[in-house]
PDB file of all heavy atoms in Angstrom:
ATOM      1  N   VAL A   1      -3.341  78.333 226.704  1.00  0.00           N
ATOM      2  CA  VAL A   1      -4.250  78.397 225.641  1.00  0.00           C
ATOM      3  C   VAL A   1      -4.901  79.934 225.421  1.00  0.00           C
ATOM      4  O   VAL A   1      -4.868  80.438 224.328  1.00  0.00           O
ATOM      5  CB  VAL A   1      -5.508  77.576 225.799  1.00  0.00           C
ATOM      6  CG1 VAL A   1      -6.617  77.754 224.615  1.00  0.00           C
ATOM      7  CG2 VAL A   1      -5.067  76.079 225.828  1.00  0.00           C
ATOM      8  N   GLN A   2      -5.002  80.593 226.627  1.00  0.00           N
ATOM      9  CA  GLN A   2      -5.652  81.870 226.625  1.00  0.00           C
ATOM     10  C   GLN A   2      -4.410  82.739 225.989  1.00  0.00           C
ATOM     11  O   GLN A   2      -4.757  83.745 225.153  1.00  0.00           O
ATOM     12  CB  GLN A   2      -5.908  82.411 227.977  1.00  0.00           C
ATOM     13  CG  GLN A   2      -7.124  81.762 228.553  1.00  0.00           C
ATOM     14  CD  GLN A   2      -7.432  82.229 229.998  1.00  0.00           C
ATOM     15  OE1 GLN A   2      -6.894  83.218 230.476  1.00  0.00           O
ATOM     16  NE2 GLN A   2      -8.454  81.585 230.576  1.00  0.00           N
ATOM     17  N   HIS A   3      -3.265  82.498 226.354  1.00  0.00           N
ATOM     18  CA  HIS A   3      -2.030  83.357 225.911  1.00  0.00           C
ATOM     19  C   HIS A   3      -1.888  83.167 224.340  1.00  0.00           C
ATOM     20  O   HIS A   3      -1.766  84.233 223.651  1.00  0.00           O
ATOM     21  CB  HIS A   3      -0.895  82.851 226.586  1.00  0.00           C
ATOM     22  CG  HIS A   3       0.401  83.607 225.955  1.00  0.00           C
ATOM     23  ND1 HIS A   3       0.734  84.887 226.081  1.00  0.00           N
ATOM     24  CD2 HIS A   3       1.384  83.058 225.109  1.00  0.00           C
ATOM     25  CE1 HIS A   3       1.820  85.252 225.562  1.00  0.00           C
ATOM     26  NE2 HIS A   3       2.204  84.017 224.879  1.00  0.00           N
ATOM     27  N   ARG A   4      -2.120  81.909 223.883  1.00  0.00           N
ATOM     28  CA  ARG A   4      -1.920  81.686 222.478  1.00  0.00           C
ATOM     29  C   ARG A   4      -3.061  82.328 221.658  1.00  0.00           C
ATOM     30  O   ARG A   4      -2.867  82.758 220.639  1.00  0.00           O
ATOM     31  CB  ARG A   4      -1.929  80.104 222.196  1.00  0.00           C
ATOM     32  CG  ARG A   4      -0.690  79.439 222.664  1.00  0.00           C
ATOM     33  CD  ARG A   4       0.490  79.943 221.825  1.00  0.00           C
ATOM     34  NE  ARG A   4       1.725  79.215 222.297  1.00  0.00           N
ATOM     35  CZ  ARG A   4       2.187  78.105 221.746  1.00  0.00           C
ATOM     36  NH1 ARG A   4       1.583  77.571 220.670  1.00  0.00           N
ATOM     37  NH2 ARG A   4       3.333  77.582 222.066  1.00  0.00           N
ATOM     38  N   LEU A   5      -4.333  82.227 222.257  1.00  0.00           N
ATOM     39  CA  LEU A   5      -5.425  82.849 221.542  1.00  0.00           C
ATOM     40  C   LEU A   5      -5.263  84.413 221.484  1.00  0.00           C
ATOM     41  O   LEU A   5      -5.436  85.045 220.384  1.00  0.00           O
ATOM     42  CB  LEU A   5      -6.766  82.618 222.328  1.00  0.00           C
ATOM     43  CG  LEU A   5      -7.336  81.191 222.041  1.00  0.00           C
ATOM     44  CD1 LEU A   5      -8.557  80.991 223.022  1.00  0.00           C
ATOM     45  CD2 LEU A   5      -7.822  81.023 220.655  1.00  0.00           C
ATOM     46  N   ALA A   6      -4.782  85.076 222.516  1.00  0.00           N
ATOM     47  CA  ALA A   6      -4.625  86.464 222.565  1.00  0.00           C
ATOM     48  C   ALA A   6      -3.461  86.746 221.500  1.00  0.00           C
ATOM     49  O   ALA A   6      -3.609  87.871 220.735  1.00  0.00           O
ATOM     50  CB  ALA A   6      -4.189  86.945 223.940  1.00  0.00           C
ATOM     51  N   HIS A   7      -2.477  85.992 221.435  1.00  0.00           N
ATOM     52  CA  HIS A   7      -1.365  86.156 220.444  1.00  0.00           C
ATOM     53  C   HIS A   7      -1.904  86.116 219.080  1.00  0.00           C
ATOM     54  O   HIS A   7      -1.546  86.857 218.172  1.00  0.00           O
ATOM     55  CB  HIS A   7      -0.263  85.222 220.646  1.00  0.00           C
ATOM     56  CG  HIS A   7       0.985  85.325 219.637  1.00  0.00           C
ATOM     57  ND1 HIS A   7       1.718  86.386 219.763  1.00  0.00           N
ATOM     58  CD2 HIS A   7       1.235  84.569 218.669  1.00  0.00           C
ATOM     59  CE1 HIS A   7       2.649  86.265 218.759  1.00  0.00           C
ATOM     60  NE2 HIS A   7       2.356  85.171 218.127  1.00  0.00           N
ATOM     61  N   ALA A   8      -2.713  85.093 218.846  1.00  0.00           N
ATOM     62  CA  ALA A   8      -3.369  84.882 217.421  1.00  0.00           C
ATOM     63  C   ALA A   8      -4.207  86.088 217.034  1.00  0.00           C
ATOM     64  O   ALA A   8      -4.208  86.370 215.836  1.00  0.00           O
ATOM     65  CB  ALA A   8      -4.100  83.539 217.446  1.00  0.00           C
ATOM     66  N   VAL A   9      -5.011  86.581 217.910  1.00  0.00           N
ATOM     67  CA  VAL A   9      -5.823  87.697 217.666  1.00  0.00           C
ATOM     68  C   VAL A   9      -4.952  88.891 217.235  1.00  0.00           C
ATOM     69  O   VAL A   9      -5.145  89.575 216.256  1.00  0.00           O
ATOM     70  CB  VAL A   9      -6.746  88.110 218.810  1.00  0.00           C
ATOM     71  CG1 VAL A   9      -7.331  89.379 218.579  1.00  0.00           C
ATOM     72  CG2 VAL A   9      -7.883  86.893 219.054  1.00  0.00           C
ATOM     73  N   SER A  10      -3.845  89.135 218.059  1.00  0.00           N
ATOM     74  CA  SER A  10      -2.956  90.278 217.721  1.00  0.00           C
ATOM     75  C   SER A  10      -2.342  90.120 216.428  1.00  0.00           C
ATOM     76  O   SER A  10      -2.158  90.991 215.586  1.00  0.00           O
ATOM     77  CB  SER A  10      -1.981  90.352 218.846  1.00  0.00           C
ATOM     78  OG  SER A  10      -0.967  91.287 218.579  1.00  0.00           O
ATOM     79  N   ALA A  11      -1.716  88.843 216.092  1.00  0.00           N
ATOM     80  CA  ALA A  11      -1.037  88.575 214.935  1.00  0.00           C
ATOM     81  C   ALA A  11      -1.993  88.778 213.696  1.00  0.00           C
ATOM     82  O   ALA A  11      -1.595  89.215 212.577  1.00  0.00           O
ATOM     83  CB  ALA A  11      -0.443  87.200 214.982  1.00  0.00           C
ATOM     84  N   THR A  12      -3.224  88.300 213.871  1.00  0.00           N
ATOM     85  CA  THR A  12      -4.212  88.430 212.740  1.00  0.00           C
ATOM     86  C   THR A  12      -4.479  89.974 212.472  1.00  0.00           C
ATOM     87  O   THR A  12      -4.597  90.336 211.319  1.00  0.00           O
ATOM     88  CB  THR A  12      -5.531  87.751 213.066  1.00  0.00           C
ATOM     89  OG1 THR A  12      -5.147  86.415 213.522  1.00  0.00           O
ATOM     90  CG2 THR A  12      -6.423  87.684 211.955  1.00  0.00           C
ATOM     91  N   GLY A  13      -4.544  90.758 213.464  1.00  0.00           N
ATOM     92  CA  GLY A  13      -4.692  92.094 213.348  1.00  0.00           C
ATOM     93  C   GLY A  13      -3.638  92.814 212.664  1.00  0.00           C
ATOM     94  O   GLY A  13      -3.722  93.657 211.593  1.00  0.00           O
ATOM     95  N   LEU A  14      -2.337  92.345 212.918  1.00  0.00           N
ATOM     96  CA  LEU A  14      -1.121  92.846 212.137  1.00  0.00           C
ATOM     97  C   LEU A  14      -1.178  92.342 210.669  1.00  0.00           C
ATOM     98  O   LEU A  14      -0.750  93.042 209.784  1.00  0.00           O
ATOM     99  CB  LEU A  14       0.077  92.417 212.812  1.00  0.00           C
ATOM    100  CG  LEU A  14       0.426  92.984 214.206  1.00  0.00           C
ATOM    101  CD1 LEU A  14       1.686  92.178 214.910  1.00  0.00           C
ATOM    102  CD2 LEU A  14       0.592  94.413 214.143  1.00  0.00           C
ATOM    103  N   LEU A  15      -1.655  91.056 210.384  1.00  0.00           N
ATOM    104  CA  LEU A  15      -1.752  90.617 209.127  1.00  0.00           C
ATOM    105  C   LEU A  15      -2.760  91.402 208.218  1.00  0.00           C
ATOM    106  O   LEU A  15      -2.499  91.790 207.146  1.00  0.00           O
ATOM    107  CB  LEU A  15      -2.188  89.068 209.218  1.00  0.00           C
ATOM    108  CG  LEU A  15      -2.460  88.500 207.809  1.00  0.00           C
ATOM    109  CD1 LEU A  15      -1.261  88.529 207.024  1.00  0.00           C
ATOM    110  CD2 LEU A  15      -3.030  87.087 207.994  1.00  0.00           C
ATOM    111  N   ILE A  16      -3.851  91.766 208.908  1.00  0.00           N
ATOM    112  CA  ILE A  16      -4.876  92.582 208.229  1.00  0.00           C
ATOM    113  C   ILE A  16      -4.283  93.852 207.792  1.00  0.00           C
ATOM    114  O   ILE A  16      -4.422  94.368 206.555  1.00  0.00           O
ATOM    115  CB  ILE A  16      -6.109  92.696 209.058  1.00  0.00           C
ATOM    116  CG1 ILE A  16      -6.807  91.380 209.159  1.00  0.00           C
ATOM    117  CG2 ILE A  16      -7.085  93.662 208.416  1.00  0.00           C
ATOM    118  CD1 ILE A  16      -7.929  91.426 210.202  1.00  0.00           C
ATOM    119  N   ASN A  17      -3.615  94.580 208.782  1.00  0.00           N
ATOM    120  CA  ASN A  17      -3.115  95.844 208.407  1.00  0.00           C
ATOM    121  C   ASN A  17      -1.944  95.765 207.372  1.00  0.00           C
ATOM    122  O   ASN A  17      -1.920  96.561 206.387  1.00  0.00           O
ATOM    123  CB  ASN A  17      -2.421  96.508 209.662  1.00  0.00           C
ATOM    124  CG  ASN A  17      -3.542  96.897 210.661  1.00  0.00           C
ATOM    125  OD1 ASN A  17      -4.753  97.288 210.266  1.00  0.00           O
ATOM    126  ND2 ASN A  17      -3.120  97.028 211.977  1.00  0.00           N
ATOM    127  N   SER A  18      -1.256  94.681 207.331  1.00  0.00           N
ATOM    128  CA  SER A  18      -0.171  94.590 206.455  1.00  0.00           C
ATOM    129  C   SER A  18      -0.657  94.262 204.979  1.00  0.00           C
ATOM    130  O   SER A  18      -0.186  94.848 204.072  1.00  0.00           O
ATOM    131  CB  SER A  18       0.821  93.309 206.767  1.00  0.00           C
ATOM    132  OG  SER A  18       1.481  93.550 207.940  1.00  0.00           O
ATOM    133  N   LEU A  19      -1.838  93.500 205.000  1.00  0.00           N
ATOM    134  CA  LEU A  19      -2.490  93.318 203.688  1.00  0.00           C
ATOM    135  C   LEU A  19      -3.086  94.568 203.067  1.00  0.00           C
ATOM    136  O   LEU A  19      -2.903  94.819 201.919  1.00  0.00           O
ATOM    137  CB  LEU A  19      -3.535  92.152 203.832  1.00  0.00           C
ATOM    138  CG  LEU A  19      -3.017  90.779 204.011  1.00  0.00           C
ATOM    139  CD1 LEU A  19      -4.218  89.835 204.424  1.00  0.00           C
ATOM    140  CD2 LEU A  19      -2.333  90.226 202.822  1.00  0.00           C
ATOM    141  N   ARG A  20      -3.539  95.302 203.925  1.00  0.00           N
ATOM    142  CA  ARG A  20      -4.160  96.628 203.481  1.00  0.00           C
ATOM    143  C   ARG A  20      -3.290  97.549 202.993  1.00  0.00           C
ATOM    144  O   ARG A  20      -3.306  98.256 202.068  1.00  0.00           O
ATOM    145  CB  ARG A  20      -5.056  97.239 204.606  1.00  0.00           C
ATOM    146  CG  ARG A  20      -6.380  96.357 204.733  1.00  0.00           C
ATOM    147  CD  ARG A  20      -7.172  96.949 205.854  1.00  0.00           C
ATOM    148  NE  ARG A  20      -8.511  96.117 205.979  1.00  0.00           N
ATOM    149  CZ  ARG A  20      -9.247  96.164 207.022  1.00  0.00           C
ATOM    150  NH1 ARG A  20      -8.885  96.862 208.087  1.00  0.00           N
ATOM    151  NH2 ARG A  20     -10.423  95.540 207.011  1.00  0.00           N
ATOM    152  N   LYS A  21      -2.101  97.617 203.723  1.00  0.00           N
ATOM    153  CA  LYS A  21      -0.898  98.547 203.342  1.00  0.00           C
ATOM    154  C   LYS A  21      -0.326  97.985 202.046  1.00  0.00           C
ATOM    155  O   LYS A  21      -0.117  98.768 201.145  1.00  0.00           O
ATOM    156  CB  LYS A  21       0.061  98.539 204.400  1.00  0.00           C
ATOM    157  CG  LYS A  21      -0.344  99.310 205.646  1.00  0.00           C
ATOM    158  CD  LYS A  21       0.777  99.391 206.654  1.00  0.00           C
ATOM    159  CE  LYS A  21       0.483 100.162 207.908  1.00  0.00           C
ATOM    160  NZ  LYS A  21       1.482 100.067 208.987  1.00  0.00           N
ATOM    161  N   LEU A  22      -0.213  96.756 201.867  1.00  0.00           N
ATOM    162  CA  LEU A  22       0.332  96.093 200.585  1.00  0.00           C
ATOM    163  C   LEU A  22      -0.524  96.389 199.562  1.00  0.00           C
ATOM    164  O   LEU A  22      -0.168  96.717 198.406  1.00  0.00           O
ATOM    165  CB  LEU A  22       0.687  94.692 200.896  1.00  0.00           C
ATOM    166  CG  LEU A  22       1.282  93.911 199.735  1.00  0.00           C
ATOM    167  CD1 LEU A  22       2.703  94.504 199.358  1.00  0.00           C
ATOM    168  CD2 LEU A  22       1.359  92.380 199.990  1.00  0.00           C
ATOM    169  N   SER A  23      -1.769  96.270 199.585  1.00  0.00           N
ATOM    170  CA  SER A  23      -2.812  96.436 198.626  1.00  0.00           C
ATOM    171  C   SER A  23      -2.779  97.927 198.133  1.00  0.00           C
ATOM    172  O   SER A  23      -2.777  98.152 196.963  1.00  0.00           O
ATOM    173  CB  SER A  23      -4.193  96.194 199.056  1.00  0.00           C
ATOM    174  OG  SER A  23      -4.737  97.072 200.029  1.00  0.00           O
ATOM    175  N   TYR A  24      -2.593  98.881 199.040  1.00  0.00           N
ATOM    176  CA  TYR A  24      -2.441 100.271 198.668  1.00  0.00           C
ATOM    177  C   TYR A  24      -1.149 100.549 197.921  1.00  0.00           C
ATOM    178  O   TYR A  24      -1.065 101.354 196.896  1.00  0.00           O
ATOM    179  CB  TYR A  24      -2.550 101.177 199.954  1.00  0.00           C
ATOM    180  CG  TYR A  24      -3.909 101.562 200.291  1.00  0.00           C
ATOM    181  CD1 TYR A  24      -4.446 101.181 201.531  1.00  0.00           C
ATOM    182  CD2 TYR A  24      -4.748 102.182 199.410  1.00  0.00           C
ATOM    183  CE1 TYR A  24      -5.761 101.522 201.915  1.00  0.00           C
ATOM    184  CE2 TYR A  24      -6.029 102.521 199.835  1.00  0.00           C
ATOM    185  CZ  TYR A  24      -6.521 102.100 201.062  1.00  0.00           C
ATOM    186  OH  TYR A  24      -7.800 102.463 201.381  1.00  0.00           O
ATOM    187  N   SER A  25      -0.060  99.911 198.382  1.00  0.00           N
ATOM    188  CA  SER A  25       1.225 100.178 197.696  1.00  0.00           C
ATOM    189  C   SER A  25       1.263  99.551 196.367  1.00  0.00           C
ATOM    190  O   SER A  25       1.946 100.072 195.441  1.00  0.00           O
ATOM    191  CB  SER A  25       2.344  99.633 198.629  1.00  0.00           C
ATOM    192  OG  SER A  25       2.325  98.201 198.618  1.00  0.00           O
ATOM    193  N   ILE A  26       0.593  98.390 196.077  1.00  0.00           N
ATOM    194  CA  ILE A  26       0.738  97.743 194.794  1.00  0.00           C
ATOM    195  C   ILE A  26      -0.358  98.434 193.889  1.00  0.00           C
ATOM    196  O   ILE A  26       0.161  98.770 192.693  1.00  0.00           O
ATOM    197  CB  ILE A  26       0.388  96.306 195.035  1.00  0.00           C
ATOM    198  CG1 ILE A  26       1.392  95.585 195.694  1.00  0.00           C
ATOM    199  CG2 ILE A  26       0.101  95.681 193.578  1.00  0.00           C
ATOM    200  CD1 ILE A  26       1.031  93.943 196.063  1.00  0.00           C
ATOM    201  N   GLY A  27      -1.465  98.703 194.163  1.00  0.00           N
ATOM    202  CA  GLY A  27      -2.500  99.379 193.387  1.00  0.00           C
ATOM    203  C   GLY A  27      -2.445 100.802 193.312  1.00  0.00           C
ATOM    204  O   GLY A  27      -1.637 101.496 194.199  1.00  0.00           O
ATOM    205  N   THR A  28      -3.108 101.346 192.422  1.00  0.00           N
ATOM    206  CA  THR A  28      -3.154 102.923 192.250  1.00  0.00           C
ATOM    207  C   THR A  28      -4.584 103.393 192.514  1.00  0.00           C
ATOM    208  O   THR A  28      -4.790 104.579 192.120  1.00  0.00           O
ATOM    209  CB  THR A  28      -2.695 103.253 190.923  1.00  0.00           C
ATOM    210  OG1 THR A  28      -3.359 102.482 189.934  1.00  0.00           O
ATOM    211  CG2 THR A  28      -1.210 102.967 190.709  1.00  0.00           C
ATOM    212  N   GLY A  29      -5.399 102.617 193.178  1.00  0.00           N
ATOM    213  CA  GLY A  29      -6.830 102.982 193.399  1.00  0.00           C
ATOM    214  C   GLY A  29      -6.776 104.221 194.348  1.00  0.00           C
ATOM    215  O   GLY A  29      -7.695 105.024 194.187  1.00  0.00           O
ATOM    216  N   MET A  30      -5.766 104.251 195.126  1.00  0.00           N
ATOM    217  CA  MET A  30      -5.693 105.392 196.160  1.00  0.00           C
ATOM    218  C   MET A  30      -5.650 106.800 195.462  1.00  0.00           C
ATOM    219  O   MET A  30      -6.094 107.792 195.880  1.00  0.00           O
ATOM    220  CB  MET A  30      -4.527 105.295 197.085  1.00  0.00           C
ATOM    221  CG  MET A  30      -4.497 106.233 198.274  1.00  0.00           C
ATOM    222  SD  MET A  30      -3.202 105.750 199.371  1.00  0.00           S
ATOM    223  CE  MET A  30      -3.580 106.889 200.716  1.00  0.00           C
TER     224      MET A  30
END
């Protein structure tokens, strides 16, 4: 369970970074 939780925290962090990168690439607000 501890391993799965650590993996979920790491995967969620990657998901957040991917969403932010995708939002920058799609939009022109930058």
